[in-house]
Amino acid sequence: APFDQDKSLERLLLEVREARVLFTAPIWKKISKDAIDLIQKMLHPKPSQRMSPTAARTHKWFSNTKLLNPKPPKPQRLRKPTPEENPEDLEVLAALNFMT
């Protein structure tokens, strides 16, 4: 968690209000500098200086990830249904397979 959980509730709430975010926990070592920069800008305590969602979409983290430009899935060949299978079931299974 970006906030130190070992502090009193009052201290923790103050840190949240002031956006005192620490990225020192081991999990944050796996997070890119661009992602941390985006988080910090979106959590700015002053609303007038906080990054808007629209501005966030133009942040370099989004252009460096595949979130907005994912690779299209490889085409899959549907096998011919057996007599006891419904062809629509195979389409649903193919769609579910695509989503996983």
N, C-alpha and C. Protein backbone atom coordinates (compact mmCIF):
# COMPACT_ATOMS: atom_id res chain seq x y z
N ALA A 1 0.84 -1.18 0.00
CA ALA A 1 0.00 0.00 0.00
C ALA A 1 0.88 1.24 0.00
N PRO A 2 0.46 2.27 -0.67
CA PRO A 2 1.30 3.47 -0.74
C PRO A 2 1.33 4.27 0.56
N PHE A 3 0.38 4.01 1.46
CA PHE A 3 0.35 4.73 2.73
C PHE A 3 0.84 3.80 3.83
N ASP A 4 1.61 4.36 4.76
CA ASP A 4 2.16 3.58 5.87
C ASP A 4 1.02 3.18 6.80
N GLN A 5 0.76 1.89 6.89
CA GLN A 5 -0.38 1.41 7.66
C GLN A 5 -0.09 1.26 9.15
N ASP A 6 1.15 1.46 9.55
CA ASP A 6 1.51 1.31 10.96
C ASP A 6 1.26 2.57 11.77
N LYS A 7 0.76 3.60 11.14
CA LYS A 7 0.53 4.87 11.83
C LYS A 7 -0.89 4.92 12.38
N SER A 8 -1.12 5.88 13.25
CA SER A 8 -2.46 6.05 13.82
C SER A 8 -3.44 6.44 12.71
N LEU A 9 -4.72 6.24 12.97
CA LEU A 9 -5.74 6.56 11.99
C LEU A 9 -5.70 8.04 11.63
N GLU A 10 -5.52 8.90 12.63
CA GLU A 10 -5.47 10.34 12.37
C GLU A 10 -4.30 10.69 11.45
N ARG A 11 -3.16 10.08 11.72
CA ARG A 11 -1.96 10.34 10.90
C ARG A 11 -2.15 9.81 9.48
N LEU A 12 -2.75 8.64 9.37
CA LEU A 12 -3.01 8.05 8.07
C LEU A 12 -3.96 8.93 7.25
N LEU A 13 -5.02 9.42 7.89
CA LEU A 13 -5.97 10.29 7.19
C LEU A 13 -5.31 11.60 6.75
N LEU A 14 -4.42 12.13 7.58
CA LEU A 14 -3.68 13.34 7.21
C LEU A 14 -2.82 13.07 5.98
N GLU A 15 -2.14 11.93 5.95
CA GLU A 15 -1.32 11.59 4.80
C GLU A 15 -2.16 11.41 3.54
N VAL A 16 -3.34 10.84 3.68
CA VAL A 16 -4.22 10.68 2.53
C VAL A 16 -4.68 12.04 2.03
N ARG A 17 -5.12 12.90 2.95
CA ARG A 17 -5.57 14.26 2.56
C ARG A 17 -4.47 15.05 1.87
N GLU A 18 -3.25 14.91 2.35
CA GLU A 18 -2.13 15.67 1.79
C GLU A 18 -1.42 14.90 0.67
N ALA A 19 -1.93 13.75 0.34
CA ALA A 19 -1.37 12.91 -0.73
C ALA A 19 0.11 12.60 -0.49
N ARG A 20 0.43 12.30 0.73
CA ARG A 20 1.80 11.88 1.07
C ARG A 20 1.89 10.38 0.78
N VAL A 21 2.25 10.08 -0.41
CA VAL A 21 2.29 8.70 -0.85
C VAL A 21 3.73 8.22 -0.91
N LEU A 22 3.99 7.08 -0.31
CA LEU A 22 5.32 6.49 -0.32
C LEU A 22 5.31 5.30 -1.27
N PHE A 23 6.29 5.24 -2.12
CA PHE A 23 6.42 4.13 -3.05
C PHE A 23 7.66 3.33 -2.71
N THR A 24 7.83 3.02 -1.42
CA THR A 24 9.04 2.35 -0.96
C THR A 24 8.85 0.87 -0.69
N ALA A 25 7.62 0.40 -0.63
CA ALA A 25 7.38 -1.03 -0.39
C ALA A 25 7.94 -1.84 -1.56
N PRO A 26 8.35 -3.06 -1.30
CA PRO A 26 8.94 -3.89 -2.37
C PRO A 26 8.08 -4.02 -3.62
N ILE A 27 6.77 -4.03 -3.47
CA ILE A 27 5.89 -4.19 -4.64
C ILE A 27 6.09 -3.05 -5.64
N TRP A 28 6.42 -1.87 -5.15
CA TRP A 28 6.57 -0.71 -6.04
C TRP A 28 7.82 -0.78 -6.89
N LYS A 29 8.77 -1.65 -6.54
CA LYS A 29 9.97 -1.80 -7.36
C LYS A 29 9.64 -2.40 -8.72
N LYS A 30 8.50 -3.10 -8.79
CA LYS A 30 8.08 -3.73 -10.04
C LYS A 30 7.26 -2.78 -10.91
N ILE A 31 6.90 -1.63 -10.37
CA ILE A 31 6.05 -0.67 -11.07
C ILE A 31 6.94 0.34 -11.79
N SER A 32 6.59 0.66 -13.01
CA SER A 32 7.42 1.58 -13.81
C SER A 32 7.40 2.99 -13.24
N LYS A 33 8.45 3.72 -13.52
CA LYS A 33 8.56 5.12 -13.09
C LYS A 33 7.41 5.94 -13.70
N ASP A 34 7.07 5.64 -14.95
CA ASP A 34 5.97 6.36 -15.59
C ASP A 34 4.64 6.12 -14.88
N ALA A 35 4.41 4.89 -14.44
CA ALA A 35 3.17 4.58 -13.72
C ALA A 35 3.12 5.31 -12.39
N ILE A 36 4.24 5.34 -11.68
CA ILE A 36 4.30 6.05 -10.40
C ILE A 36 4.09 7.54 -10.62
N ASP A 37 4.68 8.09 -11.65
CA ASP A 37 4.50 9.50 -11.96
C ASP A 37 3.01 9.80 -12.22
N LEU A 38 2.35 8.95 -12.98
CA LEU A 38 0.93 9.13 -13.27
C LEU A 38 0.11 9.08 -11.99
N ILE A 39 0.39 8.12 -11.12
CA ILE A 39 -0.34 8.00 -9.86
C ILE A 39 -0.16 9.25 -9.02
N GLN A 40 1.07 9.72 -8.92
CA GLN A 40 1.34 10.92 -8.12
C GLN A 40 0.57 12.13 -8.65
N LYS A 41 0.55 12.27 -9.96
CA LYS A 41 -0.15 13.41 -10.55
C LYS A 41 -1.66 13.31 -10.39
N MET A 42 -2.18 12.09 -10.40
CA MET A 42 -3.62 11.92 -10.23
C MET A 42 -4.05 12.06 -8.77
N LEU A 43 -3.10 11.92 -7.85
CA LEU A 43 -3.41 12.03 -6.42
C LEU A 43 -3.02 13.38 -5.83
N HIS A 44 -2.70 14.35 -6.66
CA HIS A 44 -2.27 15.65 -6.14
C HIS A 44 -3.35 16.19 -5.20
N PRO A 45 -2.95 16.69 -4.02
CA PRO A 45 -3.95 17.14 -3.04
C PRO A 45 -4.75 18.37 -3.48
N LYS A 46 -4.19 19.19 -4.36
CA LYS A 46 -4.91 20.37 -4.82
C LYS A 46 -5.67 20.03 -6.10
N PRO A 47 -7.00 20.06 -6.06
CA PRO A 47 -7.77 19.72 -7.25
C PRO A 47 -7.38 20.51 -8.49
N SER A 48 -7.01 21.76 -8.31
CA SER A 48 -6.65 22.59 -9.47
C SER A 48 -5.36 22.10 -10.14
N GLN A 49 -4.53 21.38 -9.40
CA GLN A 49 -3.28 20.87 -9.94
C GLN A 49 -3.31 19.37 -10.21
N ARG A 50 -4.41 18.73 -9.83
CA ARG A 50 -4.55 17.29 -10.03
C ARG A 50 -4.81 16.99 -11.50
N MET A 51 -4.19 15.95 -11.99
CA MET A 51 -4.35 15.56 -13.39
C MET A 51 -5.77 15.03 -13.61
N SER A 52 -6.41 15.54 -14.64
CA SER A 52 -7.76 15.09 -14.99
C SER A 52 -7.68 13.74 -15.71
N PRO A 53 -8.78 13.01 -15.74
CA PRO A 53 -8.78 11.75 -16.50
C PRO A 53 -8.42 11.96 -17.97
N THR A 54 -8.90 13.05 -18.55
CA THR A 54 -8.60 13.32 -19.95
C THR A 54 -7.10 13.57 -20.13
N ALA A 55 -6.52 14.35 -19.25
CA ALA A 55 -5.08 14.61 -19.33
C ALA A 55 -4.29 13.34 -19.04
N ALA A 56 -4.81 12.51 -18.15
CA ALA A 56 -4.11 11.28 -17.81
C ALA A 56 -3.97 10.37 -19.03
N ARG A 57 -4.96 10.38 -19.91
CA ARG A 57 -4.88 9.53 -21.11
C ARG A 57 -3.73 9.92 -22.02
N THR A 58 -3.24 11.16 -21.90
CA THR A 58 -2.13 11.59 -22.74
C THR A 58 -0.78 11.40 -22.04
N HIS A 59 -0.81 10.91 -20.80
CA HIS A 59 0.43 10.68 -20.05
C HIS A 59 1.27 9.62 -20.76
N LYS A 60 2.58 9.75 -20.64
CA LYS A 60 3.48 8.84 -21.36
C LYS A 60 3.32 7.38 -20.93
N TRP A 61 2.81 7.12 -19.72
CA TRP A 61 2.62 5.74 -19.31
C TRP A 61 1.65 5.02 -20.25
N PHE A 62 0.58 5.72 -20.67
CA PHE A 62 -0.37 5.09 -21.57
C PHE A 62 0.24 4.82 -22.94
N SER A 63 1.10 5.70 -23.40
CA SER A 63 1.71 5.48 -24.71
C SER A 63 2.78 4.39 -24.65
N ASN A 64 3.27 4.09 -23.45
CA ASN A 64 4.29 3.05 -23.30
C ASN A 64 3.70 1.69 -22.95
N THR A 65 2.39 1.60 -22.85
CA THR A 65 1.77 0.32 -22.51
C THR A 65 0.94 -0.16 -23.68
N LYS A 66 0.53 -1.38 -23.58
CA LYS A 66 -0.29 -1.97 -24.62
C LYS A 66 -1.77 -1.91 -24.26
N LEU A 67 -2.11 -1.14 -23.22
CA LEU A 67 -3.51 -1.06 -22.80
C LEU A 67 -4.40 -0.45 -23.86
N LEU A 68 -3.93 0.60 -24.49
CA LEU A 68 -4.77 1.30 -25.46
C LEU A 68 -4.59 0.73 -26.86
N ASN A 69 -3.50 0.04 -27.11
CA ASN A 69 -3.24 -0.52 -28.43
C ASN A 69 -2.86 -1.99 -28.32
N PRO A 70 -3.80 -2.82 -27.85
CA PRO A 70 -3.44 -4.23 -27.70
C PRO A 70 -3.31 -4.91 -29.05
N LYS A 71 -2.52 -5.97 -29.06
CA LYS A 71 -2.39 -6.76 -30.28
C LYS A 71 -3.71 -7.47 -30.53
N PRO A 72 -4.13 -7.51 -31.76
CA PRO A 72 -5.37 -8.26 -32.02
C PRO A 72 -5.13 -9.74 -31.79
N PRO A 73 -6.14 -10.45 -31.35
CA PRO A 73 -5.94 -11.88 -31.10
C PRO A 73 -5.72 -12.64 -32.41
N LYS A 74 -5.00 -13.73 -32.31
CA LYS A 74 -4.78 -14.57 -33.48
C LYS A 74 -6.11 -15.20 -33.87
N PRO A 75 -6.37 -15.28 -35.15
CA PRO A 75 -7.62 -15.91 -35.57
C PRO A 75 -7.63 -17.38 -35.15
N GLN A 76 -8.78 -17.82 -34.71
CA GLN A 76 -8.91 -19.21 -34.29
C GLN A 76 -9.85 -19.94 -35.23
N ARG A 77 -9.50 -21.16 -35.50
CA ARG A 77 -10.36 -21.98 -36.34
C ARG A 77 -11.34 -22.70 -35.42
N LEU A 78 -12.59 -22.60 -35.76
CA LEU A 78 -13.59 -23.33 -35.01
C LEU A 78 -13.69 -24.73 -35.57
N ARG A 79 -13.72 -25.71 -34.68
CA ARG A 79 -13.86 -27.07 -35.16
C ARG A 79 -15.32 -27.33 -35.50
N LYS A 80 -15.54 -28.28 -36.32
CA LYS A 80 -16.88 -28.62 -36.73
C LYS A 80 -17.60 -29.26 -35.54
N PRO A 81 -18.81 -28.80 -35.23
CA PRO A 81 -19.51 -29.37 -34.08
C PRO A 81 -19.90 -30.83 -34.31
N THR A 82 -19.87 -31.55 -33.23
CA THR A 82 -20.36 -32.93 -33.30
C THR A 82 -21.88 -32.88 -33.30
N PRO A 83 -22.55 -33.96 -33.66
CA PRO A 83 -24.01 -33.92 -33.74
C PRO A 83 -24.70 -33.51 -32.43
N GLU A 84 -24.10 -33.85 -31.28
CA GLU A 84 -24.76 -33.50 -30.01
C GLU A 84 -24.43 -32.07 -29.55
N GLU A 85 -23.53 -31.40 -30.23
CA GLU A 85 -23.16 -30.03 -29.84
C GLU A 85 -23.95 -29.01 -30.64
N ASN A 86 -24.26 -27.94 -29.99
CA ASN A 86 -24.94 -26.83 -30.64
C ASN A 86 -23.86 -25.89 -31.20
N PRO A 87 -23.91 -25.52 -32.48
CA PRO A 87 -22.88 -24.62 -33.04
C PRO A 87 -22.78 -23.30 -32.29
N GLU A 88 -23.89 -22.81 -31.74
CA GLU A 88 -23.84 -21.54 -30.99
C GLU A 88 -23.03 -21.71 -29.71
N ASP A 89 -23.06 -22.92 -29.12
CA ASP A 89 -22.25 -23.16 -27.93
C ASP A 89 -20.77 -23.03 -28.24
N LEU A 90 -20.37 -23.50 -29.41
CA LEU A 90 -18.96 -23.39 -29.79
C LEU A 90 -18.55 -21.93 -29.97
N GLU A 91 -19.45 -21.12 -30.48
CA GLU A 91 -19.15 -19.69 -30.62
C GLU A 91 -18.97 -19.04 -29.26
N VAL A 92 -19.82 -19.41 -28.32
CA VAL A 92 -19.70 -18.87 -26.96
C VAL A 92 -18.38 -19.33 -26.34
N LEU A 93 -18.05 -20.60 -26.51
CA LEU A 93 -16.78 -21.11 -25.97
C LEU A 93 -15.59 -20.40 -26.60
N ALA A 94 -15.65 -20.15 -27.89
CA ALA A 94 -14.57 -19.44 -28.57
C ALA A 94 -14.44 -18.02 -28.02
N ALA A 95 -15.58 -17.37 -27.79
CA ALA A 95 -15.55 -16.00 -27.23
C ALA A 95 -14.98 -16.01 -25.83
N LEU A 96 -15.37 -16.99 -25.01
CA LEU A 96 -14.83 -17.08 -23.65
C LEU A 96 -13.35 -17.37 -23.68
N ASN A 97 -12.92 -18.21 -24.59
CA ASN A 97 -11.50 -18.52 -24.74
C ASN A 97 -10.71 -17.27 -25.13
N PHE A 98 -11.30 -16.43 -25.97
CA PHE A 98 -10.67 -15.18 -26.37
C PHE A 98 -10.48 -14.25 -25.18
N MET A 99 -11.44 -14.26 -24.25
CA MET A 99 -11.40 -13.33 -23.12
C MET A 99 -10.41 -13.77 -22.06
N THR A 100 -9.96 -14.99 -22.07
CA THR A 100 -9.04 -15.47 -21.02
C THR A 100 -7.62 -15.48 -21.51
